PDB file of N, CA and C in Angstrom:
ATOM      1  N   MET A   1       2.198  40.623  -9.478  1.00  0.00           N
ATOM      2  CA  MET A   1       2.673  41.817  -8.824  1.00  0.00           C
ATOM      3  C   MET A   1       4.114  42.079  -9.215  1.00  0.00           C
ATOM      4  N   SER A   2       4.423  43.314  -9.346  1.00  0.00           N
ATOM      5  CA  SER A   2       5.799  43.657  -9.697  1.00  0.00           C
ATOM      6  C   SER A   2       6.579  43.967  -8.435  1.00  0.00           C
ATOM      7  N   SER A   3       7.778  43.482  -8.387  1.00  0.00           N
ATOM      8  CA  SER A   3       8.623  43.770  -7.228  1.00  0.00           C
ATOM      9  C   SER A   3       9.398  45.055  -7.498  1.00  0.00           C
ATOM     10  N   GLN A   4       9.478  45.867  -6.495  1.00  0.00           N
ATOM     11  CA  GLN A   4      10.209  47.116  -6.648  1.00  0.00           C
ATOM     12  C   GLN A   4      11.663  46.886  -6.261  1.00  0.00           C
ATOM     13  N   VAL A   5      12.519  47.108  -7.218  1.00  0.00           N
ATOM     14  CA  VAL A   5      13.946  46.958  -6.984  1.00  0.00           C
ATOM     15  C   VAL A   5      14.493  48.310  -6.577  1.00  0.00           C
ATOM     16  N   GLU A   6      15.212  48.326  -5.462  1.00  0.00           N
ATOM     17  CA  GLU A   6      15.780  49.577  -4.986  1.00  0.00           C
ATOM     18  C   GLU A   6      16.913  49.998  -5.907  1.00  0.00           C
ATOM     19  N   PRO A   7      16.865  51.244  -6.389  1.00  0.00           N
ATOM     20  CA  PRO A   7      17.932  51.689  -7.294  1.00  0.00           C
ATOM     21  C   PRO A   7      19.271  51.781  -6.551  1.00  0.00           C
ATOM     22  N   THR A   8      20.324  51.664  -7.310  1.00  0.00           N
ATOM     23  CA  THR A   8      21.643  51.759  -6.706  1.00  0.00           C
ATOM     24  C   THR A   8      21.884  53.186  -6.224  1.00  0.00           C
ATOM     25  N   VAL A   9      22.850  53.331  -5.347  1.00  0.00           N
ATOM     26  CA  VAL A   9      23.176  54.652  -4.807  1.00  0.00           C
ATOM     27  C   VAL A   9      23.646  55.566  -5.923  1.00  0.00           C
ATOM     28  N   SER A  10      24.375  55.023  -6.873  1.00  0.00           N
ATOM     29  CA  SER A  10      24.855  55.827  -7.992  1.00  0.00           C
ATOM     30  C   SER A  10      23.684  56.368  -8.805  1.00  0.00           C
ATOM     31  N   ALA A  11      22.665  55.539  -9.037  1.00  0.00           N
ATOM     32  CA  ALA A  11      21.475  55.990  -9.772  1.00  0.00           C
ATOM     33  C   ALA A  11      20.709  57.036  -8.972  1.00  0.00           C
ATOM     34  N   GLN A  12      20.654  56.861  -7.651  1.00  0.00           N
ATOM     35  CA  GLN A  12      19.984  57.845  -6.801  1.00  0.00           C
ATOM     36  C   GLN A  12      20.720  59.176  -6.827  1.00  0.00           C
ATOM     37  N   LEU A  13      22.037  59.126  -6.815  1.00  0.00           N
ATOM     38  CA  LEU A  13      22.834  60.357  -6.879  1.00  0.00           C
ATOM     39  C   LEU A  13      22.648  61.051  -8.228  1.00  0.00           C
ATOM     40  N   ASP A  14      22.539  60.263  -9.286  1.00  0.00           N
ATOM     41  CA  ASP A  14      22.256  60.845 -10.603  1.00  0.00           C
ATOM     42  C   ASP A  14      20.912  61.556 -10.609  1.00  0.00           C
ATOM     43  N   ARG A  15      19.930  60.954  -9.958  1.00  0.00           N
ATOM     44  CA  ARG A  15      18.601  61.563  -9.899  1.00  0.00           C
ATOM     45  C   ARG A  15      18.624  62.846  -9.073  1.00  0.00           C
ATOM     46  N   VAL A  16      19.376  62.849  -7.961  1.00  0.00           N
ATOM     47  CA  VAL A  16      19.510  64.062  -7.150  1.00  0.00           C
ATOM     48  C   VAL A  16      20.116  65.182  -7.988  1.00  0.00           C
ATOM     49  N   LEU A  17      21.160  64.867  -8.718  1.00  0.00           N
ATOM     50  CA  LEU A  17      21.816  65.868  -9.559  1.00  0.00           C
ATOM     51  C   LEU A  17      20.880  66.372 -10.656  1.00  0.00           C
ATOM     52  N   ALA A  18      20.096  65.483 -11.249  1.00  0.00           N
ATOM     53  CA  ALA A  18      19.149  65.884 -12.287  1.00  0.00           C
ATOM     54  C   ALA A  18      18.068  66.805 -11.711  1.00  0.00           C
ATOM     55  N   GLU A  19      17.566  66.481 -10.528  1.00  0.00           N
ATOM     56  CA  GLU A  19      16.558  67.330  -9.883  1.00  0.00           C
ATOM     57  C   GLU A  19      17.151  68.698  -9.540  1.00  0.00           C
ATOM     58  N   HIS A  20      18.381  68.709  -9.082  1.00  0.00           N
ATOM     59  CA  HIS A  20      19.054  69.970  -8.740  1.00  0.00           C
ATOM     60  C   HIS A  20      19.228  70.838  -9.973  1.00  0.00           C
ATOM     61  N   ARG A  21      19.678  70.237 -11.057  1.00  0.00           N
ATOM     62  CA  ARG A  21      19.889  70.989 -12.298  1.00  0.00           C
ATOM     63  C   ARG A  21      18.577  71.487 -12.900  1.00  0.00           C
ATOM     64  N   ALA A  22      17.478  70.754 -12.640  1.00  0.00           N
ATOM     65  CA  ALA A  22      16.170  71.156 -13.154  1.00  0.00           C
ATOM     66  C   ALA A  22      15.543  72.246 -12.294  1.00  0.00           C
ATOM     67  N   GLY A  23      16.155  72.539 -11.156  1.00  0.00           N
ATOM     68  CA  GLY A  23      15.634  73.587 -10.283  1.00  0.00           C
ATOM     69  C   GLY A  23      14.651  73.090  -9.241  1.00  0.00           C
ATOM     70  N   HIS A  24      14.523  71.796  -9.090  1.00  0.00           N
ATOM     71  CA  HIS A  24      13.636  71.214  -8.089  1.00  0.00           C
ATOM     72  C   HIS A  24      14.443  70.944  -6.819  1.00  0.00           C
ATOM     73  N   PHE A  25      14.782  72.010  -6.109  1.00  0.00           N
ATOM     74  CA  PHE A  25      15.693  71.907  -4.982  1.00  0.00           C
ATOM     75  C   PHE A  25      15.090  71.143  -3.808  1.00  0.00           C
ATOM     76  N   GLY A  26      13.800  71.314  -3.582  1.00  0.00           N
ATOM     77  CA  GLY A  26      13.133  70.579  -2.502  1.00  0.00           C
ATOM     78  C   GLY A  26      13.163  69.086  -2.741  1.00  0.00           C
ATOM     79  N   ALA A  27      12.874  68.683  -3.956  1.00  0.00           N
ATOM     80  CA  ALA A  27      12.900  67.257  -4.296  1.00  0.00           C
ATOM     81  C   ALA A  27      14.320  66.709  -4.197  1.00  0.00           C
ATOM     82  N   ALA A  28      15.291  67.491  -4.622  1.00  0.00           N
ATOM     83  CA  ALA A  28      16.685  67.041  -4.551  1.00  0.00           C
ATOM     84  C   ALA A  28      17.126  66.883  -3.100  1.00  0.00           C
ATOM     85  N   ARG A  29      16.730  67.828  -2.248  1.00  0.00           N
ATOM     86  CA  ARG A  29      17.077  67.715  -0.821  1.00  0.00           C
ATOM     87  C   ARG A  29      16.435  66.490  -0.195  1.00  0.00           C
ATOM     88  N   GLU A  30      15.185  66.224  -0.550  1.00  0.00           N
ATOM     89  CA  GLU A  30      14.481  65.059  -0.006  1.00  0.00           C
ATOM     90  C   GLU A  30      15.152  63.764  -0.454  1.00  0.00           C
ATOM     91  N   LEU A  31      15.515  63.676  -1.719  1.00  0.00           N
ATOM     92  CA  LEU A  31      16.213  62.487  -2.211  1.00  0.00           C
ATOM     93  C   LEU A  31      17.557  62.310  -1.513  1.00  0.00           C
ATOM     94  N   LEU A  32      18.273  63.408  -1.324  1.00  0.00           N
ATOM     95  CA  LEU A  32      19.562  63.339  -0.640  1.00  0.00           C
ATOM     96  C   LEU A  32      19.375  62.917   0.819  1.00  0.00           C
ATOM     97  N   ARG A  33      18.304  63.388   1.439  1.00  0.00           N
ATOM     98  CA  ARG A  33      18.001  63.006   2.825  1.00  0.00           C
ATOM     99  C   ARG A  33      17.707  61.510   2.906  1.00  0.00           C
ATOM    100  N   ARG A  34      16.991  60.982   1.913  1.00  0.00           N
ATOM    101  CA  ARG A  34      16.694  59.539   1.896  1.00  0.00           C
ATOM    102  C   ARG A  34      17.958  58.706   1.742  1.00  0.00           C
ATOM    103  N   ILE A  35      18.870  59.164   0.909  1.00  0.00           N
ATOM    104  CA  ILE A  35      20.137  58.435   0.730  1.00  0.00           C
ATOM    105  C   ILE A  35      20.910  58.422   2.040  1.00  0.00           C
ATOM    106  N   SER A  36      20.943  59.563   2.714  1.00  0.00           N
ATOM    107  CA  SER A  36      21.675  59.649   3.978  1.00  0.00           C
ATOM    108  C   SER A  36      21.003  58.810   5.056  1.00  0.00           C
ATOM    109  N   ALA A  37      19.661  58.756   5.048  1.00  0.00           N
ATOM    110  CA  ALA A  37      18.929  58.011   6.074  1.00  0.00           C
ATOM    111  C   ALA A  37      18.991  56.505   5.860  1.00  0.00           C
ATOM    112  N   SER A  38      19.333  56.072   4.656  1.00  0.00           N
ATOM    113  CA  SER A  38      19.354  54.635   4.377  1.00  0.00           C
ATOM    114  C   SER A  38      20.479  53.930   5.122  1.00  0.00           C
ATOM    115  N   GLY A  39      21.501  54.675   5.538  1.00  0.00           N
ATOM    116  CA  GLY A  39      22.577  54.080   6.323  1.00  0.00           C
ATOM    117  C   GLY A  39      23.563  53.272   5.520  1.00  0.00           C
ATOM    118  N   LYS A  40      23.575  53.437   4.217  1.00  0.00           N
ATOM    119  CA  LYS A  40      24.466  52.657   3.364  1.00  0.00           C
ATOM    120  C   LYS A  40      25.747  53.411   3.027  1.00  0.00           C
ATOM    121  N   GLU A  41      26.019  54.473   3.733  1.00  0.00           N
ATOM    122  CA  GLU A  41      27.179  55.302   3.380  1.00  0.00           C
ATOM    123  C   GLU A  41      28.495  54.564   3.566  1.00  0.00           C
ATOM    124  N   SER A  42      28.540  53.621   4.474  1.00  0.00           N
ATOM    125  CA  SER A  42      29.782  52.875   4.670  1.00  0.00           C
ATOM    126  C   SER A  42      30.040  51.900   3.521  1.00  0.00           C
ATOM    127  N   ASP A  43      28.992  51.544   2.790  1.00  0.00           N
ATOM    128  CA  ASP A  43      29.125  50.596   1.679  1.00  0.00           C
ATOM    129  C   ASP A  43      29.402  51.275   0.347  1.00  0.00           C
ATOM    130  N   LEU A  44      29.513  52.594   0.343  1.00  0.00           N
ATOM    131  CA  LEU A  44      29.689  53.331  -0.908  1.00  0.00           C
ATOM    132  C   LEU A  44      31.108  53.195  -1.433  1.00  0.00           C
ATOM    133  N   SER A  45      31.200  53.266  -2.750  1.00  0.00           N
ATOM    134  CA  SER A  45      32.525  53.307  -3.359  1.00  0.00           C
ATOM    135  C   SER A  45      33.118  54.693  -3.130  1.00  0.00           C
ATOM    136  N   ASP A  46      34.396  54.832  -3.395  1.00  0.00           N
ATOM    137  CA  ASP A  46      35.057  56.123  -3.202  1.00  0.00           C
ATOM    138  C   ASP A  46      34.438  57.198  -4.094  1.00  0.00           C
ATOM    139  N   GLU A  47      34.096  56.825  -5.326  1.00  0.00           N
ATOM    140  CA  GLU A  47      33.514  57.778  -6.261  1.00  0.00           C
ATOM    141  C   GLU A  47      32.130  58.240  -5.785  1.00  0.00           C
ATOM    142  N   ASP A  48      31.310  57.283  -5.321  1.00  0.00           N
ATOM    143  CA  ASP A  48      29.974  57.645  -4.853  1.00  0.00           C
ATOM    144  C   ASP A  48      30.021  58.474  -3.573  1.00  0.00           C
ATOM    145  N   SER A  49      30.942  58.153  -2.680  1.00  0.00           N
ATOM    146  CA  SER A  49      31.039  58.943  -1.454  1.00  0.00           C
ATOM    147  C   SER A  49      31.526  60.361  -1.756  1.00  0.00           C
ATOM    148  N   GLN A  50      32.400  60.509  -2.752  1.00  0.00           N
ATOM    149  CA  GLN A  50      32.844  61.837  -3.172  1.00  0.00           C
ATOM    150  C   GLN A  50      31.676  62.618  -3.777  1.00  0.00           C
ATOM    151  N   ARG A  51      30.886  61.970  -4.624  1.00  0.00           N
ATOM    152  CA  ARG A  51      29.717  62.628  -5.221  1.00  0.00           C
ATOM    153  C   ARG A  51      28.709  63.030  -4.147  1.00  0.00           C
ATOM    154  N   LEU A  52      28.519  62.183  -3.129  1.00  0.00           N
ATOM    155  CA  LEU A  52      27.597  62.486  -2.041  1.00  0.00           C
ATOM    156  C   LEU A  52      28.070  63.714  -1.262  1.00  0.00           C
ATOM    157  N   ARG A  53      29.377  63.797  -0.991  1.00  0.00           N
ATOM    158  CA  ARG A  53      29.928  64.973  -0.291  1.00  0.00           C
ATOM    159  C   ARG A  53      29.746  66.241  -1.120  1.00  0.00           C
ATOM    160  N   GLU A  54      29.967  66.143  -2.433  1.00  0.00           N
ATOM    161  CA  GLU A  54      29.799  67.310  -3.302  1.00  0.00           C
ATOM    162  C   GLU A  54      28.348  67.776  -3.350  1.00  0.00           C
ATOM    163  N   LEU A  55      27.414  66.829  -3.393  1.00  0.00           N
ATOM    164  CA  LEU A  55      26.001  67.207  -3.413  1.00  0.00           C
ATOM    165  C   LEU A  55      25.575  67.827  -2.088  1.00  0.00           C
ATOM    166  N   ARG A  56      26.074  67.296  -0.988  1.00  0.00           N
ATOM    167  CA  ARG A  56      25.764  67.898   0.316  1.00  0.00           C
ATOM    168  C   ARG A  56      26.310  69.320   0.400  1.00  0.00           C
ATOM    169  N   ALA A  57      27.479  69.540  -0.164  1.00  0.00           N
ATOM    170  CA  ALA A  57      28.072  70.878  -0.140  1.00  0.00           C
ATOM    171  C   ALA A  57      27.241  71.863  -0.956  1.00  0.00           C
ATOM    172  N   ARG A  58      26.592  71.394  -2.015  1.00  0.00           N
ATOM    173  CA  ARG A  58      25.748  72.285  -2.818  1.00  0.00           C
ATOM    174  C   ARG A  58      24.548  72.795  -2.040  1.00  0.00           C
ATOM    175  N   PHE A  59      24.075  72.025  -1.077  1.00  0.00           N
ATOM    176  CA  PHE A  59      22.886  72.403  -0.334  1.00  0.00           C
ATOM    177  C   PHE A  59      23.191  73.090   0.993  1.00  0.00           C
ATOM    178  N   ARG A  60      24.447  73.275   1.302  1.00  0.00           N
ATOM    179  CA  ARG A  60      24.789  74.039   2.508  1.00  0.00           C
ATOM    180  C   ARG A  60      24.463  75.499   2.304  1.00  0.00           C
ATOM    181  N   PRO A  61      23.976  76.163   3.349  1.00  0.00           N
ATOM    182  CA  PRO A  61      23.689  77.595   3.205  1.00  0.00           C
ATOM    183  C   PRO A  61      24.957  78.383   2.877  1.00  0.00           C
ATOM    184  N   ASP A  62      24.823  79.328   1.989  1.00  0.00           N
ATOM    185  CA  ASP A  62      25.943  80.153   1.562  1.00  0.00           C
ATOM    186  C   ASP A  62      26.140  81.280   2.575  1.00  0.00           C
ATOM    187  N   TRP A  63      27.312  81.393   3.158  1.00  0.00           N
ATOM    188  CA  TRP A  63      27.549  82.402   4.188  1.00  0.00           C
ATOM    189  C   TRP A  63      27.503  83.803   3.599  1.00  0.00           C
ATOM    190  N   PHE A  64      27.902  83.960   2.348  1.00  0.00           N
ATOM    191  CA  PHE A  64      27.883  85.281   1.729  1.00  0.00           C
ATOM    192  C   PHE A  64      26.453  85.777   1.525  1.00  0.00           C
ATOM    193  N   ALA A  65      25.546  84.860   1.201  1.00  0.00           N
ATOM    194  CA  ALA A  65      24.135  85.243   1.052  1.00  0.00           C
ATOM    195  C   ALA A  65      23.577  85.725   2.388  1.00  0.00           C
ATOM    196  N   TRP A  66      23.929  85.041   3.460  1.00  0.00           N
ATOM    197  CA  TRP A  66      23.483  85.482   4.789  1.00  0.00           C
ATOM    198  C   TRP A  66      24.072  86.842   5.128  1.00  0.00           C
ATOM    199  N   LEU A  67      25.323  87.053   4.790  1.00  0.00           N
ATOM    200  CA  LEU A  67      25.971  88.328   5.042  1.00  0.00           C
ATOM    201  C   LEU A  67      25.284  89.452   4.263  1.00  0.00           C
ATOM    202  N   MET A  68      24.945  89.213   3.016  1.00  0.00           N
ATOM    203  CA  MET A  68      24.241  90.207   2.198  1.00  0.00           C
ATOM    204  C   MET A  68      22.843  90.496   2.759  1.00  0.00           C
ATOM    205  N   LEU A  69      22.165  89.479   3.234  1.00  0.00           N
ATOM    206  CA  LEU A  69      20.838  89.663   3.815  1.00  0.00           C
ATOM    207  C   LEU A  69      20.909  90.519   5.075  1.00  0.00           C
ATOM    208  N   VAL A  70      21.816  90.199   5.962  1.00  0.00           N
ATOM    209  CA  VAL A  70      21.965  90.970   7.201  1.00  0.00           C
ATOM    210  C   VAL A  70      22.423  92.387   6.888  1.00  0.00           C
ATOM    211  N   GLY A  71      23.358  92.549   5.957  1.00  0.00           N
ATOM    212  CA  GLY A  71      23.823  93.883   5.570  1.00  0.00           C
ATOM    213  C   GLY A  71      22.708  94.717   4.967  1.00  0.00           C
ATOM    214  N   GLY A  72      21.878  94.102   4.128  1.00  0.00           N
ATOM    215  CA  GLY A  72      20.753  94.819   3.526  1.00  0.00           C
ATOM    216  C   GLY A  72      19.728  95.247   4.564  1.00  0.00           C
ATOM    217  N   LEU A  73      19.445  94.353   5.499  1.00  0.00           N
ATOM    218  CA  LEU A  73      18.505  94.711   6.566  1.00  0.00           C
ATOM    219  C   LEU A  73      19.063  95.819   7.455  1.00  0.00           C
ATOM    220  N   LEU A  74      20.333  95.768   7.749  1.00  0.00           N
ATOM    221  CA  LEU A  74      20.966  96.807   8.553  1.00  0.00           C
ATOM    222  C   LEU A  74      20.935  98.143   7.814  1.00  0.00           C
ATOM    223  N   LEU A  75      21.225  98.139   6.537  1.00  0.00           N
ATOM    224  CA  LEU A  75      21.163  99.356   5.735  1.00  0.00           C
ATOM    225  C   LEU A  75      19.745  99.922   5.703  1.00  0.00           C
ATOM    226  N   PHE A  76      18.757  99.056   5.563  1.00  0.00           N
ATOM    227  CA  PHE A  76      17.365  99.485   5.573  1.00  0.00           C
ATOM    228  C   PHE A  76      17.003 100.145   6.907  1.00  0.00           C
ATOM    229  N   VAL A  77      17.400  99.523   7.996  1.00  0.00           N
ATOM    230  CA  VAL A  77      17.126 100.089   9.319  1.00  0.00           C
ATOM    231  C   VAL A  77      17.832 101.441   9.482  1.00  0.00           C
ATOM    232  N   LEU A  78      19.064 101.580   9.018  1.00  0.00           N
ATOM    233  CA  LEU A  78      19.786 102.840   9.124  1.00  0.00           C
ATOM    234  C   LEU A  78      19.111 103.930   8.299  1.00  0.00           C
ATOM    235  N   ILE A  79      18.640 103.605   7.122  1.00  0.00           N
ATOM    236  CA  ILE A  79      17.962 104.605   6.271  1.00  0.00           C
ATOM    237  C   ILE A  79      16.649 105.033   6.922  1.00  0.00           C
ATOM    238  N   VAL A  80      15.877 104.081   7.415  1.00  0.00           N
ATOM    239  CA  VAL A  80      14.616 104.422   8.060  1.00  0.00           C
ATOM    240  C   VAL A  80      14.877 105.247   9.331  1.00  0.00           C
ATOM    241  N   ALA A  81      15.863 104.854  10.121  1.00  0.00           N
ATOM    242  CA  ALA A  81      16.159 105.574  11.369  1.00  0.00           C
ATOM    243  C   ALA A  81      16.668 106.984  11.077  1.00  0.00           C
ATOM    244  N   SER A  82      17.435 107.177  10.028  1.00  0.00           N
ATOM    245  CA  SER A  82      17.976 108.519   9.748  1.00  0.00           C
ATOM    246  C   SER A  82      16.915 109.456   9.166  1.00  0.00           C
ATOM    247  N   SER A  83      15.876 108.915   8.543  1.00  0.00           N
ATOM    248  CA  SER A  83      14.853 109.769   7.953  1.00  0.00           C
ATOM    249  C   SER A  83      13.599 109.864   8.836  1.00  0.00           C
ATOM    250  N   TRP A  84      13.604 109.199   9.951  1.00  0.00           N
ATOM    251  CA  TRP A  84      12.445 109.218  10.854  1.00  0.00           C
ATOM    252  C   TRP A  84      12.342 110.563  11.545  1.00  0.00           C
ATOM    253  N   ARG A  85      11.141 111.126  11.612  1.00  0.00           N
ATOM    254  CA  ARG A  85      10.959 112.411  12.286  1.00  0.00           C
ATOM    255  C   ARG A  85      10.125 112.304  13.492  1.00  0.00           C
TER     256      ARG A  85
END
């Protein structure tokens, strides 16, 4: 039987970044969630903790996108309301 060796946090972060760059955002979020759930964040080096913060920031919702969505919906409602007879 082969023993499964847990990859290092640095290798996991590399995989998250590769999945993100490939456009597999769901897989990247899941991998990032697993890293966070492992509870090893206190054992990370300064470089790895910085990379983890940067990756988390990439997956935060963009406030400007939300603003554009709400503005577009409001504009749509105003156009429909002004042309309604």
